[in-house]
Amino acid sequence: MLSAYTRQYPPCTQADSNHRRCHCPKRINGTLPTGKFVRIPAKTRSWESAERKARIMEVNADPLRRRSSYLPVETLPRSEKQRLLH
């Protein structure tokens, strides 16, 4: 299970790494469903965005998740997309 935490910096007066409302950088820490431990920057200062990234990482790393065998139209190259749509 992955979770977000705050990496506090000197101008911030908060001492709690679980404080959500400060504007310090957020990080992601925990174990993926595959058993791999991760501790990475979330590259955001928003707690909600960091939590969203953690949930996406968990879903993408789940070995039991069924993978779709097709690509959405948005991910195809422009020429291929035009060929399929016309």
PDB file of N, CA and C in Angstrom:
ATOM      1  N   MET A   1       0.850  -1.174   0.000  1.00  0.00           N
ATOM      2  CA  MET A   1       0.000   0.000   0.000  1.00  0.00           C
ATOM      3  C   MET A   1       0.893   1.233   0.000  1.00  0.00           C
ATOM      4  N   LEU A   2       0.614   2.131  -0.910  1.00  0.00           N
ATOM      5  CA  LEU A   2       1.373   3.365  -1.003  1.00  0.00           C
ATOM      6  C   LEU A   2       0.643   4.485  -0.276  1.00  0.00           C
ATOM      7  N   SER A   3       1.403   5.417   0.255  1.00  0.00           N
ATOM      8  CA  SER A   3       0.810   6.572   0.912  1.00  0.00           C
ATOM      9  C   SER A   3       1.662   7.796   0.637  1.00  0.00           C
ATOM     10  N   ALA A   4       1.048   8.946   0.770  1.00  0.00           N
ATOM     11  CA  ALA A   4       1.744  10.213   0.566  1.00  0.00           C
ATOM     12  C   ALA A   4       2.208  10.752   1.914  1.00  0.00           C
ATOM     13  N   TYR A   5       3.306  11.473   1.871  1.00  0.00           N
ATOM     14  CA  TYR A   5       3.749  12.183   3.066  1.00  0.00           C
ATOM     15  C   TYR A   5       4.433  13.467   2.620  1.00  0.00           C
ATOM     16  N   THR A   6       4.620  14.377   3.550  1.00  0.00           N
ATOM     17  CA  THR A   6       5.173  15.697   3.249  1.00  0.00           C
ATOM     18  C   THR A   6       6.627  15.762   3.654  1.00  0.00           C
ATOM     19  N   ARG A   7       7.436  16.267   2.762  1.00  0.00           N
ATOM     20  CA  ARG A   7       8.854  16.512   3.064  1.00  0.00           C
ATOM     21  C   ARG A   7       8.963  17.980   3.452  1.00  0.00           C
ATOM     22  N   GLN A   8       9.029  18.245   4.751  1.00  0.00           N
ATOM     23  CA  GLN A   8       9.022  19.618   5.263  1.00  0.00           C
ATOM     24  C   GLN A   8      10.323  20.351   4.929  1.00  0.00           C
ATOM     25  N   TYR A   9      10.198  21.641   4.631  1.00  0.00           N
ATOM     26  CA  TYR A   9      11.336  22.500   4.364  1.00  0.00           C
ATOM     27  C   TYR A   9      11.352  23.659   5.344  1.00  0.00           C
ATOM     28  N   PRO A  10      12.512  24.275   5.581  1.00  0.00           N
ATOM     29  CA  PRO A  10      12.683  25.281   6.642  1.00  0.00           C
ATOM     30  C   PRO A  10      11.638  26.393   6.744  1.00  0.00           C
ATOM     31  N   PRO A  11      11.134  26.988   5.668  1.00  0.00           N
ATOM     32  CA  PRO A  11      10.156  28.059   5.913  1.00  0.00           C
ATOM     33  C   PRO A  11       8.836  27.560   6.515  1.00  0.00           C
ATOM     34  N   CYS A  12       8.584  26.271   6.403  1.00  0.00           N
ATOM     35  CA  CYS A  12       7.334  25.698   6.921  1.00  0.00           C
ATOM     36  C   CYS A  12       7.449  25.503   8.430  1.00  0.00           C
ATOM     37  N   THR A  13       6.391  25.835   9.137  1.00  0.00           N
ATOM     38  CA  THR A  13       6.400  25.713  10.600  1.00  0.00           C
ATOM     39  C   THR A  13       5.836  24.376  11.072  1.00  0.00           C
ATOM     40  N   GLN A  14       5.315  23.573  10.184  1.00  0.00           N
ATOM     41  CA  GLN A  14       4.740  22.280  10.554  1.00  0.00           C
ATOM     42  C   GLN A  14       5.841  21.250  10.791  1.00  0.00           C
ATOM     43  N   ALA A  15       5.646  20.378  11.739  1.00  0.00           N
ATOM     44  CA  ALA A  15       6.625  19.331  12.018  1.00  0.00           C
ATOM     45  C   ALA A  15       6.101  17.950  11.622  1.00  0.00           C
ATOM     46  N   ASP A  16       4.812  17.846  11.410  1.00  0.00           N
ATOM     47  CA  ASP A  16       4.176  16.568  11.112  1.00  0.00           C
ATOM     48  C   ASP A  16       4.307  16.236   9.624  1.00  0.00           C
ATOM     49  N   SER A  17       4.829  15.055   9.296  1.00  0.00           N
ATOM     50  CA  SER A  17       4.991  14.669   7.891  1.00  0.00           C
ATOM     51  C   SER A  17       3.659  14.298   7.249  1.00  0.00           C
ATOM     52  N   ASN A  18       2.603  14.163   8.039  1.00  0.00           N
ATOM     53  CA  ASN A  18       1.278  13.868   7.496  1.00  0.00           C
ATOM     54  C   ASN A  18       0.390  15.108   7.406  1.00  0.00           C
ATOM     55  N   HIS A  19       0.992  16.286   7.611  1.00  0.00           N
ATOM     56  CA  HIS A  19       0.226  17.529   7.492  1.00  0.00           C
ATOM     57  C   HIS A  19      -0.094  17.766   6.022  1.00  0.00           C
ATOM     58  N   ARG A  20      -1.358  17.884   5.688  1.00  0.00           N
ATOM     59  CA  ARG A  20      -1.801  17.951   4.299  1.00  0.00           C
ATOM     60  C   ARG A  20      -1.859  19.354   3.726  1.00  0.00           C
ATOM     61  N   ARG A  21      -2.002  20.349   4.543  1.00  0.00           N
ATOM     62  CA  ARG A  21      -2.335  21.672   4.029  1.00  0.00           C
ATOM     63  C   ARG A  21      -1.148  22.581   3.742  1.00  0.00           C
ATOM     64  N   CYS A  22       0.060  22.195   4.119  1.00  0.00           N
ATOM     65  CA  CYS A  22       1.205  23.058   3.821  1.00  0.00           C
ATOM     66  C   CYS A  22       1.605  22.899   2.356  1.00  0.00           C
ATOM     67  N   HIS A  23       2.434  23.783   1.875  1.00  0.00           N
ATOM     68  CA  HIS A  23       2.830  23.776   0.465  1.00  0.00           C
ATOM     69  C   HIS A  23       4.222  23.186   0.250  1.00  0.00           C
ATOM     70  N   CYS A  24       4.650  22.342   1.168  1.00  0.00           N
ATOM     71  CA  CYS A  24       5.920  21.645   1.008  1.00  0.00           C
ATOM     72  C   CYS A  24       5.754  20.499   0.016  1.00  0.00           C
ATOM     73  N   PRO A  25       6.845  20.058  -0.624  1.00  0.00           N
ATOM     74  CA  PRO A  25       6.748  18.960  -1.596  1.00  0.00           C
ATOM     75  C   PRO A  25       6.247  17.669  -0.952  1.00  0.00           C
ATOM     76  N   LYS A  26       5.477  16.927  -1.721  1.00  0.00           N
ATOM     77  CA  LYS A  26       4.931  15.657  -1.255  1.00  0.00           C
ATOM     78  C   LYS A  26       5.719  14.506  -1.869  1.00  0.00           C
ATOM     79  N   ARG A  27       5.765  13.388  -1.149  1.00  0.00           N
ATOM     80  CA  ARG A  27       6.472  12.186  -1.601  1.00  0.00           C
ATOM     81  C   ARG A  27       5.556  10.985  -1.445  1.00  0.00           C
ATOM     82  N   ILE A  28       5.885   9.901  -2.141  1.00  0.00           N
ATOM     83  CA  ILE A  28       5.127   8.662  -2.085  1.00  0.00           C
ATOM     84  C   ILE A  28       6.024   7.578  -1.517  1.00  0.00           C
ATOM     85  N   ASN A  29       5.471   6.793  -0.586  1.00  0.00           N
ATOM     86  CA  ASN A  29       6.249   5.813   0.145  1.00  0.00           C
ATOM     87  C   ASN A  29       5.373   4.587   0.388  1.00  0.00           C
ATOM     88  N   GLY A  30       5.950   3.402   0.233  1.00  0.00           N
ATOM     89  CA  GLY A  30       5.206   2.196   0.560  1.00  0.00           C
ATOM     90  C   GLY A  30       5.593   1.021  -0.304  1.00  0.00           C
ATOM     91  N   THR A  31       4.760  -0.006  -0.274  1.00  0.00           N
ATOM     92  CA  THR A  31       5.017  -1.234  -1.004  1.00  0.00           C
ATOM     93  C   THR A  31       3.966  -1.427  -2.086  1.00  0.00           C
ATOM     94  N   LEU A  32       4.426  -1.712  -3.296  1.00  0.00           N
ATOM     95  CA  LEU A  32       3.522  -1.993  -4.408  1.00  0.00           C
ATOM     96  C   LEU A  32       2.932  -3.388  -4.264  1.00  0.00           C
ATOM     97  N   PRO A  33       1.844  -3.694  -4.981  1.00  0.00           N
ATOM     98  CA  PRO A  33       1.258  -5.043  -4.908  1.00  0.00           C
ATOM     99  C   PRO A  33       2.239  -6.150  -5.316  1.00  0.00           C
ATOM    100  N   THR A  34       3.278  -5.807  -6.064  1.00  0.00           N
ATOM    101  CA  THR A  34       4.285  -6.795  -6.463  1.00  0.00           C
ATOM    102  C   THR A  34       5.265  -7.098  -5.342  1.00  0.00           C
ATOM    103  N   GLY A  35       5.240  -6.307  -4.264  1.00  0.00           N
ATOM    104  CA  GLY A  35       6.154  -6.501  -3.149  1.00  0.00           C
ATOM    105  C   GLY A  35       7.346  -5.558  -3.182  1.00  0.00           C
ATOM    106  N   LYS A  36       7.472  -4.754  -4.224  1.00  0.00           N
ATOM    107  CA  LYS A  36       8.593  -3.826  -4.352  1.00  0.00           C
ATOM    108  C   LYS A  36       8.347  -2.590  -3.482  1.00  0.00           C
ATOM    109  N   PHE A  37       9.364  -2.201  -2.705  1.00  0.00           N
ATOM    110  CA  PHE A  37       9.280  -1.004  -1.875  1.00  0.00           C
ATOM    111  C   PHE A  37       9.668   0.207  -2.702  1.00  0.00           C
ATOM    112  N   VAL A  38       8.892   1.288  -2.610  1.00  0.00           N
ATOM    113  CA  VAL A  38       9.211   2.525  -3.332  1.00  0.00           C
ATOM    114  C   VAL A  38       9.171   3.709  -2.380  1.00  0.00           C
ATOM    115  N   ARG A  39      10.047   4.652  -2.635  1.00  0.00           N
ATOM    116  CA  ARG A  39      10.052   5.942  -1.953  1.00  0.00           C
ATOM    117  C   ARG A  39      10.496   6.957  -3.002  1.00  0.00           C
ATOM    118  N   ILE A  40       9.531   7.673  -3.556  1.00  0.00           N
ATOM    119  CA  ILE A  40       9.823   8.575  -4.670  1.00  0.00           C
ATOM    120  C   ILE A  40       9.139   9.919  -4.452  1.00  0.00           C
ATOM    121  N   PRO A  41       9.651  10.978  -5.109  1.00  0.00           N
ATOM    122  CA  PRO A  41       8.950  12.260  -5.041  1.00  0.00           C
ATOM    123  C   PRO A  41       7.672  12.199  -5.872  1.00  0.00           C
ATOM    124  N   ALA A  42       6.623  12.835  -5.385  1.00  0.00           N
ATOM    125  CA  ALA A  42       5.359  12.873  -6.123  1.00  0.00           C
ATOM    126  C   ALA A  42       5.375  13.980  -7.168  1.00  0.00           C
ATOM    127  N   LYS A  43       6.371  14.848  -7.109  1.00  0.00           N
ATOM    128  CA  LYS A  43       6.524  15.972  -8.036  1.00  0.00           C
ATOM    129  C   LYS A  43       5.306  16.890  -8.015  1.00  0.00           C
ATOM    130  N   THR A  44       4.763  17.073  -6.818  1.00  0.00           N
ATOM    131  CA  THR A  44       3.644  17.987  -6.623  1.00  0.00           C
ATOM    132  C   THR A  44       3.676  18.508  -5.194  1.00  0.00           C
ATOM    133  N   ARG A  45       2.986  19.580  -4.972  1.00  0.00           N
ATOM    134  CA  ARG A  45       2.854  20.127  -3.623  1.00  0.00           C
ATOM    135  C   ARG A  45       1.424  19.976  -3.117  1.00  0.00           C
ATOM    136  N   SER A  46       0.613  19.278  -3.882  1.00  0.00           N
ATOM    137  CA  SER A  46      -0.782  19.030  -3.521  1.00  0.00           C
ATOM    138  C   SER A  46      -0.928  17.612  -2.953  1.00  0.00           C
ATOM    139  N   TRP A  47      -1.529  17.510  -1.788  1.00  0.00           N
ATOM    140  CA  TRP A  47      -1.728  16.209  -1.154  1.00  0.00           C
ATOM    141  C   TRP A  47      -2.638  15.331  -2.006  1.00  0.00           C
ATOM    142  N   GLU A  48      -3.702  15.919  -2.548  1.00  0.00           N
ATOM    143  CA  GLU A  48      -4.652  15.158  -3.354  1.00  0.00           C
ATOM    144  C   GLU A  48      -3.992  14.585  -4.600  1.00  0.00           C
ATOM    145  N   SER A  49      -3.147  15.377  -5.254  1.00  0.00           N
ATOM    146  CA  SER A  49      -2.449  14.898  -6.449  1.00  0.00           C
ATOM    147  C   SER A  49      -1.480  13.771  -6.097  1.00  0.00           C
ATOM    148  N   ALA A  50      -0.804  13.897  -4.977  1.00  0.00           N
ATOM    149  CA  ALA A  50       0.130  12.847  -4.548  1.00  0.00           C
ATOM    150  C   ALA A  50      -0.619  11.549  -4.248  1.00  0.00           C
ATOM    151  N   GLU A  51      -1.762  11.644  -3.579  1.00  0.00           N
ATOM    152  CA  GLU A  51      -2.566  10.449  -3.295  1.00  0.00           C
ATOM    153  C   GLU A  51      -3.082   9.823  -4.592  1.00  0.00           C
ATOM    154  N   ARG A  52      -3.497  10.659  -5.540  1.00  0.00           N
ATOM    155  CA  ARG A  52      -3.987  10.158  -6.823  1.00  0.00           C
ATOM    156  C   ARG A  52      -2.884   9.409  -7.560  1.00  0.00           C
ATOM    157  N   LYS A  53      -1.672   9.965  -7.555  1.00  0.00           N
ATOM    158  CA  LYS A  53      -0.542   9.296  -8.203  1.00  0.00           C
ATOM    159  C   LYS A  53      -0.230   7.968  -7.523  1.00  0.00           C
ATOM    160  N   ALA A  54      -0.332   7.927  -6.206  1.00  0.00           N
ATOM    161  CA  ALA A  54      -0.082   6.684  -5.472  1.00  0.00           C
ATOM    162  C   ALA A  54      -1.098   5.617  -5.859  1.00  0.00           C
ATOM    163  N   ARG A  55      -2.385   5.993  -5.952  1.00  0.00           N
ATOM    164  CA  ARG A  55      -3.413   5.019  -6.338  1.00  0.00           C
ATOM    165  C   ARG A  55      -3.185   4.517  -7.764  1.00  0.00           C
ATOM    166  N   ILE A  56      -2.795   5.402  -8.677  1.00  0.00           N
ATOM    167  CA  ILE A  56      -2.532   5.006 -10.064  1.00  0.00           C
ATOM    168  C   ILE A  56      -1.353   4.049 -10.126  1.00  0.00           C
ATOM    169  N   MET A  57      -0.303   4.333  -9.352  1.00  0.00           N
ATOM    170  CA  MET A  57       0.863   3.446  -9.320  1.00  0.00           C
ATOM    171  C   MET A  57       0.476   2.064  -8.808  1.00  0.00           C
ATOM    172  N   GLU A  58      -0.372   2.007  -7.782  1.00  0.00           N
ATOM    173  CA  GLU A  58      -0.809   0.718  -7.246  1.00  0.00           C
ATOM    174  C   GLU A  58      -1.606  -0.076  -8.275  1.00  0.00           C
ATOM    175  N   VAL A  59      -2.516   0.595  -8.963  1.00  0.00           N
ATOM    176  CA  VAL A  59      -3.339  -0.089  -9.964  1.00  0.00           C
ATOM    177  C   VAL A  59      -2.474  -0.593 -11.107  1.00  0.00           C
ATOM    178  N   ASN A  60      -1.540   0.226 -11.582  1.00  0.00           N
ATOM    179  CA  ASN A  60      -0.691  -0.168 -12.705  1.00  0.00           C
ATOM    180  C   ASN A  60       0.279  -1.297 -12.335  1.00  0.00           C
ATOM    181  N   ALA A  61       0.639  -1.411 -11.074  1.00  0.00           N
ATOM    182  CA  ALA A  61       1.585  -2.449 -10.650  1.00  0.00           C
ATOM    183  C   ALA A  61       0.894  -3.740 -10.218  1.00  0.00           C
ATOM    184  N   ASP A  62      -0.424  -3.759 -10.169  1.00  0.00           N
ATOM    185  CA  ASP A  62      -1.152  -4.932  -9.702  1.00  0.00           C
ATOM    186  C   ASP A  62      -1.021  -6.086 -10.698  1.00  0.00           C
ATOM    187  N   PRO A  63      -0.398  -7.205 -10.296  1.00  0.00           N
ATOM    188  CA  PRO A  63      -0.208  -8.315 -11.235  1.00  0.00           C
ATOM    189  C   PRO A  63      -1.509  -9.029 -11.593  1.00  0.00           C
ATOM    190  N   LEU A  64      -2.547  -8.873 -10.805  1.00  0.00           N
ATOM    191  CA  LEU A  64      -3.817  -9.536 -11.085  1.00  0.00           C
ATOM    192  C   LEU A  64      -4.761  -8.699 -11.943  1.00  0.00           C
ATOM    193  N   ARG A  65      -4.380  -7.449 -12.170  1.00  0.00           N
ATOM    194  CA  ARG A  65      -5.219  -6.568 -12.977  1.00  0.00           C
ATOM    195  C   ARG A  65      -5.232  -7.036 -14.423  1.00  0.00           C
ATOM    196  N   ARG A  66      -6.388  -7.066 -14.998  1.00  0.00           N
ATOM    197  CA  ARG A  66      -6.530  -7.506 -16.387  1.00  0.00           C
ATOM    198  C   ARG A  66      -6.079  -6.386 -17.313  1.00  0.00           C
ATOM    199  N   ARG A  67      -5.177  -6.705 -18.195  1.00  0.00           N
ATOM    200  CA  ARG A  67      -4.668  -5.725 -19.157  1.00  0.00           C
ATOM    201  C   ARG A  67      -5.542  -5.739 -20.398  1.00  0.00           C
ATOM    202  N   SER A  68      -5.853  -4.562 -20.929  1.00  0.00           N
ATOM    203  CA  SER A  68      -6.638  -4.512 -22.155  1.00  0.00           C
ATOM    204  C   SER A  68      -5.705  -4.709 -23.340  1.00  0.00           C
ATOM    205  N   SER A  69      -6.208  -5.342 -24.379  1.00  0.00           N
ATOM    206  CA  SER A  69      -5.371  -5.680 -25.534  1.00  0.00           C
ATOM    207  C   SER A  69      -5.468  -4.659 -26.648  1.00  0.00           C
ATOM    208  N   TYR A  70      -6.181  -3.578 -26.438  1.00  0.00           N
ATOM    209  CA  TYR A  70      -6.306  -2.566 -27.482  1.00  0.00           C
ATOM    210  C   TYR A  70      -5.812  -1.221 -26.964  1.00  0.00           C
ATOM    211  N   LEU A  71      -5.442  -0.360 -27.897  1.00  0.00           N
ATOM    212  CA  LEU A  71      -5.027   0.986 -27.544  1.00  0.00           C
ATOM    213  C   LEU A  71      -6.195   1.944 -27.748  1.00  0.00           C
ATOM    214  N   PRO A  72      -6.461   2.841 -26.812  1.00  0.00           N
ATOM    215  CA  PRO A  72      -7.488   3.843 -27.055  1.00  0.00           C
ATOM    216  C   PRO A  72      -7.096   4.700 -28.253  1.00  0.00           C
ATOM    217  N   VAL A  73      -8.066   5.242 -28.942  1.00  0.00           N
ATOM    218  CA  VAL A  73      -7.811   6.039 -30.141  1.00  0.00           C
ATOM    219  C   VAL A  73      -6.897   7.219 -29.829  1.00  0.00           C
ATOM    220  N   GLU A  74      -6.990   7.776 -28.628  1.00  0.00           N
ATOM    221  CA  GLU A  74      -6.189   8.953 -28.279  1.00  0.00           C
ATOM    222  C   GLU A  74      -4.685   8.659 -28.261  1.00  0.00           C
ATOM    223  N   THR A  75      -4.295   7.405 -28.083  1.00  0.00           N
ATOM    224  CA  THR A  75      -2.877   7.072 -27.993  1.00  0.00           C
ATOM    225  C   THR A  75      -2.267   6.659 -29.331  1.00  0.00           C
ATOM    226  N   LEU A  76      -3.090   6.540 -30.360  1.00  0.00           N
ATOM    227  CA  LEU A  76      -2.579   6.141 -31.674  1.00  0.00           C
ATOM    228  C   LEU A  76      -1.959   7.326 -32.393  1.00  0.00           C
ATOM    229  N   PRO A  77      -0.993   7.081 -33.284  1.00  0.00           N
ATOM    230  CA  PRO A  77      -0.448   8.168 -34.095  1.00  0.00           C
ATOM    231  C   PRO A  77      -1.548   8.776 -34.963  1.00  0.00           C
ATOM    232  N   ARG A  78      -1.360  10.016 -35.347  1.00  0.00           N
ATOM    233  CA  ARG A  78      -2.379  10.756 -36.096  1.00  0.00           C
ATOM    234  C   ARG A  78      -2.781  10.038 -37.386  1.00  0.00           C
ATOM    235  N   SER A  79      -1.822   9.524 -38.157  1.00  0.00           N
ATOM    236  CA  SER A  79      -2.140   8.861 -39.418  1.00  0.00           C
ATOM    237  C   SER A  79      -2.987   7.607 -39.181  1.00  0.00           C
ATOM    238  N   GLU A  80      -2.664   6.855 -38.156  1.00  0.00           N
ATOM    239  CA  GLU A  80      -3.422   5.654 -37.841  1.00  0.00           C
ATOM    240  C   GLU A  80      -4.835   6.013 -37.352  1.00  0.00           C
ATOM    241  N   LYS A  81      -4.937   7.067 -36.577  1.00  0.00           N
ATOM    242  CA  LYS A  81      -6.233   7.507 -36.078  1.00  0.00           C
ATOM    243  C   LYS A  81      -7.134   7.926 -37.230  1.00  0.00           C
ATOM    244  N   GLN A  82      -6.572   8.667 -38.186  1.00  0.00           N
ATOM    245  CA  GLN A  82      -7.371   9.106 -39.341  1.00  0.00           C
ATOM    246  C   GLN A  82      -7.803   7.909 -40.178  1.00  0.00           C
ATOM    247  N   ARG A  83      -6.937   6.921 -40.326  1.00  0.00           N
ATOM    248  CA  ARG A  83      -7.281   5.737 -41.104  1.00  0.00           C
ATOM    249  C   ARG A  83      -8.440   4.966 -40.453  1.00  0.00           C
ATOM    250  N   LEU A  84      -8.445   4.878 -39.131  1.00  0.00           N
ATOM    251  CA  LEU A  84      -9.492   4.157 -38.432  1.00  0.00           C
ATOM    252  C   LEU A  84     -10.819   4.898 -38.408  1.00  0.00           C
ATOM    253  N   LEU A  85     -10.766   6.205 -38.345  1.00  0.00           N
ATOM    254  CA  LEU A  85     -11.985   6.999 -38.217  1.00  0.00           C
ATOM    255  C   LEU A  85     -12.648   7.305 -39.554  1.00  0.00           C
ATOM    256  N   HIS A  86     -11.952   7.127 -40.660  1.00  0.00           N
ATOM    257  CA  HIS A  86     -12.539   7.453 -41.979  1.00  0.00           C
ATOM    258  C   HIS A  86     -12.689   6.246 -42.840  1.00  0.00           C
TER     259      HIS A  86
END
